[in-house]
Amino acid sequence: MSLFHKEFDEVPIEIFSALQKAWEADKSLVDGVGLMLSYDLSAKRYVACDNISGEFYVEEFDSFEEAYSWLMNKEEE
């Protein structure tokens, strides 16, 4: 892991969902959110988001390690 990578924000799933809905309504509302990680207790899955480029890419993972790796790889692109 690089010492210079930007950390991601860990947010409650409710906040994550609200940000995703806001992006769908008006992309400028979530400009600059960056990388986020949440845990969906009902689905028992980690949910990661990459908003670095202004898009709202979302992936779901079974483990924290998989989600963390995806977020760190997004940072290197």
C-alpha atoms as a PDB file:
ATOM      1  CA  MET A   1       0.000   0.000   0.000  1.00  0.00           C
ATOM      2  CA  SER A   2       1.291   3.397  -0.938  1.00  0.00           C
ATOM      3  CA  LEU A   3       1.806   5.973   1.775  1.00  0.00           C
ATOM      4  CA  PHE A   4       0.487   8.582  -0.639  1.00  0.00           C
ATOM      5  CA  HIS A   5      -2.945   7.193  -1.507  1.00  0.00           C
ATOM      6  CA  LYS A   6      -6.084   9.131  -0.712  1.00  0.00           C
ATOM      7  CA  GLU A   7      -8.126   7.431   1.953  1.00  0.00           C
ATOM      8  CA  PHE A   8     -11.727   6.554   1.400  1.00  0.00           C
ATOM      9  CA  ASP A   9     -14.610   7.601   3.609  1.00  0.00           C
ATOM     10  CA  GLU A  10     -16.516   4.976   5.572  1.00  0.00           C
ATOM     11  CA  VAL A  11     -20.154   6.012   5.629  1.00  0.00           C
ATOM     12  CA  PRO A  12     -23.359   4.431   6.939  1.00  0.00           C
ATOM     13  CA  ILE A  13     -25.403   2.709   4.230  1.00  0.00           C
ATOM     14  CA  GLU A  14     -28.183   5.286   4.665  1.00  0.00           C
ATOM     15  CA  ILE A  15     -25.773   8.109   3.802  1.00  0.00           C
ATOM     16  CA  PHE A  16     -24.379   6.090   0.908  1.00  0.00           C
ATOM     17  CA  SER A  17     -27.899   5.508  -0.469  1.00  0.00           C
ATOM     18  CA  ALA A  18     -28.802   9.192  -0.065  1.00  0.00           C
ATOM     19  CA  LEU A  19     -25.669  10.253  -1.962  1.00  0.00           C
ATOM     20  CA  GLN A  20     -26.418   7.777  -4.735  1.00  0.00           C
ATOM     21  CA  LYS A  21     -29.981   9.119  -5.080  1.00  0.00           C
ATOM     22  CA  ALA A  22     -28.664  12.687  -5.058  1.00  0.00           C
ATOM     23  CA  TRP A  23     -26.231  11.826  -7.864  1.00  0.00           C
ATOM     24  CA  GLU A  24     -29.079  10.332  -9.906  1.00  0.00           C
ATOM     25  CA  ALA A  25     -31.104  13.545  -9.431  1.00  0.00           C
ATOM     26  CA  ASP A  26     -28.282  16.048  -9.990  1.00  0.00           C
ATOM     27  CA  LYS A  27     -24.652  14.939 -10.418  1.00  0.00           C
ATOM     28  CA  SER A  28     -23.338  18.285  -9.184  1.00  0.00           C
ATOM     29  CA  LEU A  29     -24.760  17.577  -5.708  1.00  0.00           C
ATOM     30  CA  VAL A  30     -22.116  14.930  -5.025  1.00  0.00           C
ATOM     31  CA  ASP A  31     -19.209  16.459  -6.933  1.00  0.00           C
ATOM     32  CA  GLY A  32     -15.967  15.616  -5.164  1.00  0.00           C
ATOM     33  CA  VAL A  33     -17.287  12.825  -2.933  1.00  0.00           C
ATOM     34  CA  GLY A  34     -14.362  10.617  -3.963  1.00  0.00           C
ATOM     35  CA  LEU A  35     -14.099   7.070  -2.634  1.00  0.00           C
ATOM     36  CA  MET A  36     -16.592   5.632  -0.154  1.00  0.00           C
ATOM     37  CA  LEU A  37     -17.131   2.347   1.597  1.00  0.00           C
ATOM     38  CA  SER A  38     -20.223   1.183   3.400  1.00  0.00           C
ATOM     39  CA  TYR A  39     -21.622  -2.034   4.831  1.00  0.00           C
ATOM     40  CA  ASP A  40     -25.165  -3.062   3.973  1.00  0.00           C
ATOM     41  CA  LEU A  41     -26.294  -5.041   7.003  1.00  0.00           C
ATOM     42  CA  SER A  42     -29.470  -6.334   5.335  1.00  0.00           C
ATOM     43  CA  ALA A  43     -27.561  -7.691   2.314  1.00  0.00           C
ATOM     44  CA  LYS A  44     -24.472  -8.595   4.380  1.00  0.00           C
ATOM     45  CA  ARG A  45     -22.248  -7.050   1.720  1.00  0.00           C
ATOM     46  CA  TYR A  46     -19.736  -4.249   1.496  1.00  0.00           C
ATOM     47  CA  VAL A  47     -20.614  -1.500  -0.969  1.00  0.00           C
ATOM     48  CA  ALA A  48     -17.849   0.626  -2.462  1.00  0.00           C
ATOM     49  CA  CYS A  49     -18.147   3.746  -4.595  1.00  0.00           C
ATOM     50  CA  ASP A  50     -15.736   5.606  -6.834  1.00  0.00           C
ATOM     51  CA  ASN A  51     -16.823   9.190  -7.547  1.00  0.00           C
ATOM     52  CA  ILE A  52     -13.345  10.541  -8.342  1.00  0.00           C
ATOM     53  CA  SER A  53     -14.096  11.129 -12.027  1.00  0.00           C
ATOM     54  CA  GLY A  54     -17.559  12.590 -11.446  1.00  0.00           C
ATOM     55  CA  GLU A  55     -19.320   9.294 -12.179  1.00  0.00           C
ATOM     56  CA  PHE A  56     -20.793   7.126  -9.432  1.00  0.00           C
ATOM     57  CA  TYR A  57     -19.333   3.643  -9.893  1.00  0.00           C
ATOM     58  CA  VAL A  58     -20.700   1.186  -7.330  1.00  0.00           C
ATOM     59  CA  GLU A  59     -19.512  -2.347  -6.619  1.00  0.00           C
ATOM     60  CA  GLU A  60     -20.609  -4.848  -3.969  1.00  0.00           C
ATOM     61  CA  PHE A  61     -18.252  -7.260  -2.230  1.00  0.00           C
ATOM     62  CA  ASP A  62     -18.453 -10.173   0.184  1.00  0.00           C
ATOM     63  CA  SER A  63     -15.489  -9.043   2.266  1.00  0.00           C
ATOM     64  CA  PHE A  64     -13.860  -5.860   3.494  1.00  0.00           C
ATOM     65  CA  GLU A  65     -10.574  -6.981   1.935  1.00  0.00           C
ATOM     66  CA  GLU A  66     -12.124  -7.249  -1.551  1.00  0.00           C
ATOM     67  CA  ALA A  67     -13.785  -3.844  -1.237  1.00  0.00           C
ATOM     68  CA  TYR A  68     -10.601  -2.255   0.109  1.00  0.00           C
ATOM     69  CA  SER A  69      -8.546  -3.718  -2.737  1.00  0.00           C
ATOM     70  CA  TRP A  70     -11.013  -2.381  -5.331  1.00  0.00           C
ATOM     71  CA  LEU A  71     -10.908   1.079  -3.776  1.00  0.00           C
ATOM     72  CA  MET A  72      -7.110   1.121  -3.678  1.00  0.00           C
ATOM     73  CA  ASN A  73      -6.874  -0.057  -7.288  1.00  0.00           C
ATOM     74  CA  LYS A  74      -9.266   2.720  -8.322  1.00  0.00           C
ATOM     75  CA  GLU A  75      -6.924   5.158  -6.605  1.00  0.00           C
ATOM     76  CA  GLU A  76      -3.977   3.947  -8.731  1.00  0.00           C
ATOM     77  CA  GLU A  77      -5.778   4.373 -12.091  1.00  0.00           C
END
